[in-house]
């Protein structure tokens, strides 16, 4: 059992979650690779016809395309979410093709 647990720790790399601002400091380092980032869904940016929205940080924004997946319960503008996907370059801002969107559990934050 101990050997199995040790093997799990050796073979499973921890997944780093970045903020939008961290990614946009040097986006070229992340282009083409799978990333996990967090940010706030910009109010007024959700476009269900193009399956996209803007994920914002303190100073930067990334366009998110979610055409291949459905959004989870609790997804709404103005909320902090996590997105996993592949970063590509677009003209004005970075663009991530999402393969997973995670929202927080509201009951977790209630007192």
N, C-alpha and C. Protein backbone atom coordinates (compact mmCIF):
# COMPACT_ATOMS: atom_id res chain seq x y z
N UNK A 1 0.83 -1.17 0.00
CA UNK A 1 0.00 0.00 0.00
C UNK A 1 0.88 1.25 0.00
N UNK A 2 1.93 1.26 0.83
CA UNK A 2 2.83 2.42 0.88
C UNK A 2 3.52 2.64 -0.46
N UNK A 3 3.90 1.55 -1.11
CA UNK A 3 4.56 1.66 -2.41
C UNK A 3 3.61 2.28 -3.43
N UNK A 4 2.35 1.92 -3.38
CA UNK A 4 1.37 2.46 -4.30
C UNK A 4 1.17 3.96 -4.07
N UNK A 5 1.10 4.37 -2.82
CA UNK A 5 0.95 5.78 -2.48
C UNK A 5 2.19 6.56 -2.91
N UNK A 6 3.36 6.01 -2.66
CA UNK A 6 4.60 6.66 -3.06
C UNK A 6 4.68 6.81 -4.57
N UNK A 7 4.26 5.78 -5.28
CA UNK A 7 4.25 5.83 -6.75
C UNK A 7 3.31 6.92 -7.24
N UNK A 8 2.17 7.07 -6.58
CA UNK A 8 1.22 8.10 -6.96
C UNK A 8 1.84 9.49 -6.82
N UNK A 9 2.51 9.74 -5.72
CA UNK A 9 3.14 11.05 -5.51
C UNK A 9 4.27 11.32 -6.50
N UNK A 10 4.97 10.30 -6.91
CA UNK A 10 6.08 10.46 -7.84
C UNK A 10 5.57 10.71 -9.26
N UNK A 11 4.50 10.04 -9.66
CA UNK A 11 4.03 10.12 -11.05
C UNK A 11 3.02 11.22 -11.30
N UNK A 12 2.35 11.72 -10.28
CA UNK A 12 1.33 12.75 -10.47
C UNK A 12 1.92 14.12 -10.16
N UNK A 13 1.97 14.96 -11.20
CA UNK A 13 2.48 16.31 -10.99
C UNK A 13 1.37 17.20 -10.47
N UNK A 14 1.67 18.06 -9.52
CA UNK A 14 0.63 18.98 -9.05
C UNK A 14 0.28 19.96 -10.16
N UNK A 15 -0.99 20.29 -10.23
CA UNK A 15 -1.45 21.20 -11.26
C UNK A 15 -1.41 22.63 -10.73
N UNK A 16 -0.67 23.48 -11.42
CA UNK A 16 -0.54 24.87 -11.01
C UNK A 16 -1.70 25.66 -11.59
N UNK A 17 -2.35 26.44 -10.73
CA UNK A 17 -3.42 27.31 -11.18
C UNK A 17 -2.88 28.74 -11.21
N UNK A 18 -3.01 29.38 -12.37
CA UNK A 18 -2.51 30.73 -12.56
C UNK A 18 -3.65 31.72 -12.55
N UNK A 19 -3.34 32.97 -12.27
CA UNK A 19 -4.32 34.04 -12.44
C UNK A 19 -4.21 34.57 -13.86
N UNK A 20 -5.22 35.27 -14.31
CA UNK A 20 -5.19 35.88 -15.64
C UNK A 20 -3.99 36.80 -15.77
N UNK A 21 -3.72 37.59 -14.75
CA UNK A 21 -2.59 38.53 -14.80
C UNK A 21 -1.25 37.80 -14.92
N UNK A 22 -1.09 36.67 -14.23
CA UNK A 22 0.16 35.92 -14.33
C UNK A 22 0.37 35.39 -15.75
N UNK A 23 -0.68 34.91 -16.37
CA UNK A 23 -0.57 34.39 -17.74
C UNK A 23 -0.22 35.51 -18.71
N UNK A 24 -0.87 36.65 -18.55
CA UNK A 24 -0.69 37.75 -19.50
C UNK A 24 0.61 38.53 -19.32
N UNK A 25 1.35 38.27 -18.22
CA UNK A 25 2.68 38.88 -18.06
C UNK A 25 3.62 38.37 -19.14
N UNK A 26 3.52 37.10 -19.47
CA UNK A 26 4.35 36.51 -20.53
C UNK A 26 3.56 35.41 -21.22
N UNK A 27 2.56 35.78 -22.02
CA UNK A 27 1.68 34.78 -22.64
C UNK A 27 2.39 33.84 -23.60
N UNK A 28 3.50 34.28 -24.21
CA UNK A 28 4.21 33.42 -25.15
C UNK A 28 4.70 32.13 -24.51
N UNK A 29 4.96 32.16 -23.21
CA UNK A 29 5.42 30.96 -22.50
C UNK A 29 4.33 29.89 -22.43
N UNK A 30 3.07 30.29 -22.55
CA UNK A 30 1.95 29.39 -22.33
C UNK A 30 1.20 29.02 -23.62
N UNK A 31 1.48 29.71 -24.72
CA UNK A 31 0.76 29.47 -25.97
C UNK A 31 0.94 28.02 -26.41
N UNK A 32 -0.19 27.38 -26.72
CA UNK A 32 -0.17 26.00 -27.19
C UNK A 32 -0.17 24.96 -26.10
N UNK A 33 -0.08 25.39 -24.86
CA UNK A 33 -0.06 24.41 -23.78
C UNK A 33 -1.35 24.48 -22.95
N UNK A 34 -1.64 23.39 -22.30
CA UNK A 34 -2.82 23.30 -21.43
C UNK A 34 -2.52 24.07 -20.14
N UNK A 35 -3.42 24.97 -19.77
CA UNK A 35 -3.25 25.75 -18.55
C UNK A 35 -4.51 25.69 -17.70
N UNK A 36 -4.34 26.01 -16.45
CA UNK A 36 -5.44 26.06 -15.48
C UNK A 36 -5.37 27.45 -14.87
N UNK A 37 -6.39 28.27 -15.11
CA UNK A 37 -6.33 29.62 -14.59
C UNK A 37 -7.65 30.02 -13.95
N UNK A 38 -7.57 31.05 -13.13
CA UNK A 38 -8.75 31.56 -12.44
C UNK A 38 -8.90 33.04 -12.74
N UNK A 39 -10.14 33.49 -12.67
CA UNK A 39 -10.44 34.89 -12.90
C UNK A 39 -11.93 35.13 -12.71
N UNK A 40 -12.35 36.32 -13.00
CA UNK A 40 -13.74 36.72 -12.84
C UNK A 40 -14.38 36.83 -14.22
N UNK A 41 -15.58 36.27 -14.37
CA UNK A 41 -16.31 36.40 -15.63
C UNK A 41 -16.76 37.86 -15.75
N UNK A 42 -16.24 38.54 -16.74
CA UNK A 42 -16.52 39.97 -16.91
C UNK A 42 -18.00 40.20 -17.17
N UNK A 43 -18.57 41.12 -16.43
CA UNK A 43 -19.98 41.46 -16.58
C UNK A 43 -20.23 42.01 -17.99
N UNK A 44 -21.25 41.47 -18.64
CA UNK A 44 -21.61 41.89 -19.98
C UNK A 44 -20.84 41.20 -21.09
N UNK A 45 -19.95 40.26 -20.76
CA UNK A 45 -19.11 39.63 -21.78
C UNK A 45 -19.62 38.27 -22.26
N UNK A 46 -20.56 37.67 -21.55
CA UNK A 46 -21.05 36.34 -21.92
C UNK A 46 -21.86 36.42 -23.21
N UNK A 47 -21.42 35.66 -24.22
CA UNK A 47 -22.09 35.61 -25.51
C UNK A 47 -22.41 34.15 -25.82
N UNK A 48 -23.66 33.76 -25.58
CA UNK A 48 -24.06 32.37 -25.79
C UNK A 48 -24.10 31.98 -27.26
N UNK A 49 -24.25 32.93 -28.16
CA UNK A 49 -24.28 32.58 -29.58
C UNK A 49 -22.89 32.19 -30.09
N UNK A 50 -21.85 32.84 -29.58
CA UNK A 50 -20.49 32.48 -29.99
C UNK A 50 -19.79 31.60 -28.95
N UNK A 51 -20.51 31.26 -27.88
CA UNK A 51 -19.97 30.42 -26.80
C UNK A 51 -18.66 30.99 -26.27
N UNK A 52 -18.72 32.26 -25.85
CA UNK A 52 -17.51 32.90 -25.36
C UNK A 52 -17.83 33.88 -24.24
N UNK A 53 -16.80 34.22 -23.49
CA UNK A 53 -16.87 35.25 -22.46
C UNK A 53 -15.47 35.75 -22.20
N UNK A 54 -15.37 36.81 -21.43
CA UNK A 54 -14.07 37.37 -21.06
C UNK A 54 -13.80 37.01 -19.60
N UNK A 55 -12.61 36.46 -19.35
CA UNK A 55 -12.15 36.17 -18.00
C UNK A 55 -11.18 37.29 -17.63
N UNK A 56 -11.46 37.99 -16.55
CA UNK A 56 -10.62 39.14 -16.21
C UNK A 56 -9.87 38.92 -14.91
N UNK A 57 -8.71 39.54 -14.88
CA UNK A 57 -7.91 39.60 -13.67
C UNK A 57 -7.96 41.02 -13.15
N UNK A 58 -6.96 41.42 -12.41
CA UNK A 58 -6.90 42.79 -11.89
C UNK A 58 -6.61 43.80 -13.00
N UNK A 59 -5.73 43.39 -13.94
CA UNK A 59 -5.29 44.32 -14.98
C UNK A 59 -5.43 43.79 -16.40
N UNK A 60 -5.66 42.51 -16.56
CA UNK A 60 -5.67 41.89 -17.88
C UNK A 60 -6.92 41.07 -18.10
N UNK A 61 -7.14 40.70 -19.37
CA UNK A 61 -8.29 39.89 -19.74
C UNK A 61 -7.86 38.80 -20.72
N UNK A 62 -8.61 37.70 -20.71
CA UNK A 62 -8.42 36.61 -21.67
C UNK A 62 -9.80 36.22 -22.19
N UNK A 63 -9.91 36.04 -23.48
CA UNK A 63 -11.15 35.57 -24.08
C UNK A 63 -11.22 34.05 -23.91
N UNK A 64 -12.38 33.55 -23.51
CA UNK A 64 -12.57 32.11 -23.31
C UNK A 64 -13.64 31.62 -24.28
N UNK A 65 -13.31 30.59 -25.04
CA UNK A 65 -14.25 29.94 -25.95
C UNK A 65 -14.64 28.61 -25.31
N UNK A 66 -15.95 28.39 -25.16
CA UNK A 66 -16.41 27.14 -24.51
C UNK A 66 -17.37 26.37 -25.40
N UNK A 67 -17.12 26.35 -26.70
CA UNK A 67 -18.02 25.72 -27.67
C UNK A 67 -18.14 24.21 -27.47
N UNK A 68 -17.11 23.57 -26.97
CA UNK A 68 -17.10 22.11 -26.87
C UNK A 68 -17.61 21.57 -25.54
N UNK A 69 -17.92 22.46 -24.60
CA UNK A 69 -18.34 22.00 -23.27
C UNK A 69 -19.57 22.77 -22.81
N UNK A 70 -20.22 22.23 -21.79
CA UNK A 70 -21.34 22.96 -21.19
C UNK A 70 -20.84 23.65 -19.92
N UNK A 71 -21.50 24.73 -19.56
CA UNK A 71 -21.09 25.46 -18.36
C UNK A 71 -21.77 24.84 -17.14
N UNK A 72 -21.08 24.82 -16.00
CA UNK A 72 -21.63 24.20 -14.80
C UNK A 72 -22.65 25.09 -14.09
N UNK A 73 -23.39 24.49 -13.17
CA UNK A 73 -24.28 25.27 -12.31
C UNK A 73 -23.44 26.28 -11.54
N UNK A 74 -23.99 27.43 -11.30
CA UNK A 74 -23.27 28.47 -10.57
C UNK A 74 -22.45 29.37 -11.45
N UNK A 75 -22.38 29.07 -12.75
CA UNK A 75 -21.63 29.92 -13.67
C UNK A 75 -22.46 31.16 -13.96
N UNK A 76 -21.89 32.33 -13.71
CA UNK A 76 -22.56 33.58 -14.04
C UNK A 76 -21.55 34.72 -14.08
N UNK A 77 -21.94 35.80 -14.72
CA UNK A 77 -21.07 36.96 -14.83
C UNK A 77 -20.81 37.54 -13.45
N UNK A 78 -19.59 38.04 -13.25
CA UNK A 78 -19.21 38.64 -11.98
C UNK A 78 -18.69 37.66 -10.96
N UNK A 79 -18.69 36.37 -11.26
CA UNK A 79 -18.24 35.33 -10.33
C UNK A 79 -16.83 34.86 -10.68
N UNK A 80 -16.08 34.45 -9.66
CA UNK A 80 -14.75 33.88 -9.87
C UNK A 80 -14.91 32.42 -10.27
N UNK A 81 -14.21 32.03 -11.31
CA UNK A 81 -14.25 30.66 -11.80
C UNK A 81 -12.84 30.19 -12.12
N UNK A 82 -12.70 28.90 -12.40
CA UNK A 82 -11.45 28.33 -12.88
C UNK A 82 -11.71 27.71 -14.25
N UNK A 83 -10.76 27.87 -15.15
CA UNK A 83 -10.88 27.36 -16.51
C UNK A 83 -9.64 26.54 -16.83
N UNK A 84 -9.85 25.38 -17.44
CA UNK A 84 -8.75 24.59 -17.97
C UNK A 84 -8.91 24.57 -19.48
N UNK A 85 -7.80 24.76 -20.18
CA UNK A 85 -7.85 24.74 -21.64
C UNK A 85 -6.51 25.07 -22.25
N UNK A 86 -6.52 25.25 -23.57
CA UNK A 86 -5.30 25.53 -24.32
C UNK A 86 -5.29 26.99 -24.74
N UNK A 87 -4.20 27.66 -24.45
CA UNK A 87 -4.04 29.08 -24.78
C UNK A 87 -3.53 29.24 -26.20
N UNK A 88 -4.19 30.12 -26.94
CA UNK A 88 -3.71 30.49 -28.27
C UNK A 88 -3.68 32.00 -28.34
N UNK A 89 -3.01 32.53 -29.34
CA UNK A 89 -2.92 33.98 -29.47
C UNK A 89 -4.04 34.48 -30.37
N UNK A 90 -4.62 35.59 -29.97
CA UNK A 90 -5.52 36.31 -30.86
C UNK A 90 -4.96 37.71 -30.96
N UNK A 91 -5.60 38.58 -31.73
CA UNK A 91 -5.00 39.88 -32.00
C UNK A 91 -4.89 40.79 -30.78
N UNK A 92 -5.96 40.93 -30.01
CA UNK A 92 -5.95 41.90 -28.92
C UNK A 92 -5.58 41.27 -27.58
N UNK A 93 -6.16 40.14 -27.29
CA UNK A 93 -5.92 39.48 -26.00
C UNK A 93 -5.65 38.02 -26.25
N UNK A 94 -5.20 37.31 -25.23
CA UNK A 94 -5.05 35.87 -25.34
C UNK A 94 -6.42 35.23 -25.49
N UNK A 95 -6.43 34.01 -25.96
CA UNK A 95 -7.68 33.28 -26.11
C UNK A 95 -7.45 31.86 -25.65
N UNK A 96 -8.34 31.36 -24.84
CA UNK A 96 -8.23 30.00 -24.35
C UNK A 96 -9.44 29.20 -24.81
N UNK A 97 -9.17 28.03 -25.37
CA UNK A 97 -10.23 27.10 -25.75
C UNK A 97 -10.44 26.18 -24.56
N UNK A 98 -11.54 26.41 -23.85
CA UNK A 98 -11.78 25.70 -22.59
C UNK A 98 -12.20 24.25 -22.83
N UNK A 99 -11.66 23.36 -22.01
CA UNK A 99 -12.14 21.98 -22.00
C UNK A 99 -12.76 21.64 -20.64
N UNK A 100 -12.70 22.59 -19.71
CA UNK A 100 -13.35 22.43 -18.40
C UNK A 100 -13.52 23.80 -17.75
N UNK A 101 -14.68 24.01 -17.15
CA UNK A 101 -14.96 25.22 -16.37
C UNK A 101 -15.44 24.77 -15.00
N UNK A 102 -14.84 25.34 -13.96
CA UNK A 102 -15.20 24.99 -12.58
C UNK A 102 -15.69 26.23 -11.85
N UNK A 103 -16.77 26.05 -11.10
CA UNK A 103 -17.26 27.11 -10.25
C UNK A 103 -17.13 26.66 -8.81
N UNK A 104 -17.11 27.61 -7.89
CA UNK A 104 -17.04 27.28 -6.47
C UNK A 104 -18.40 26.85 -5.96
N UNK A 105 -18.40 26.16 -4.88
CA UNK A 105 -19.65 25.75 -4.23
C UNK A 105 -20.12 26.89 -3.34
N UNK A 106 -21.27 27.50 -3.61
CA UNK A 106 -21.71 28.65 -2.82
C UNK A 106 -21.84 28.35 -1.34
N UNK A 107 -22.26 27.14 -0.98
CA UNK A 107 -22.43 26.82 0.44
C UNK A 107 -21.09 26.80 1.17
N UNK A 108 -20.00 26.62 0.45
CA UNK A 108 -18.67 26.60 1.05
C UNK A 108 -18.32 27.96 1.63
N UNK A 109 -18.87 29.03 1.05
CA UNK A 109 -18.51 30.37 1.47
C UNK A 109 -19.54 31.00 2.40
N UNK A 110 -20.65 30.33 2.66
CA UNK A 110 -21.66 30.87 3.55
C UNK A 110 -21.28 30.59 5.00
N UNK A 111 -21.64 31.52 5.91
CA UNK A 111 -21.31 31.29 7.31
C UNK A 111 -22.45 30.59 8.01
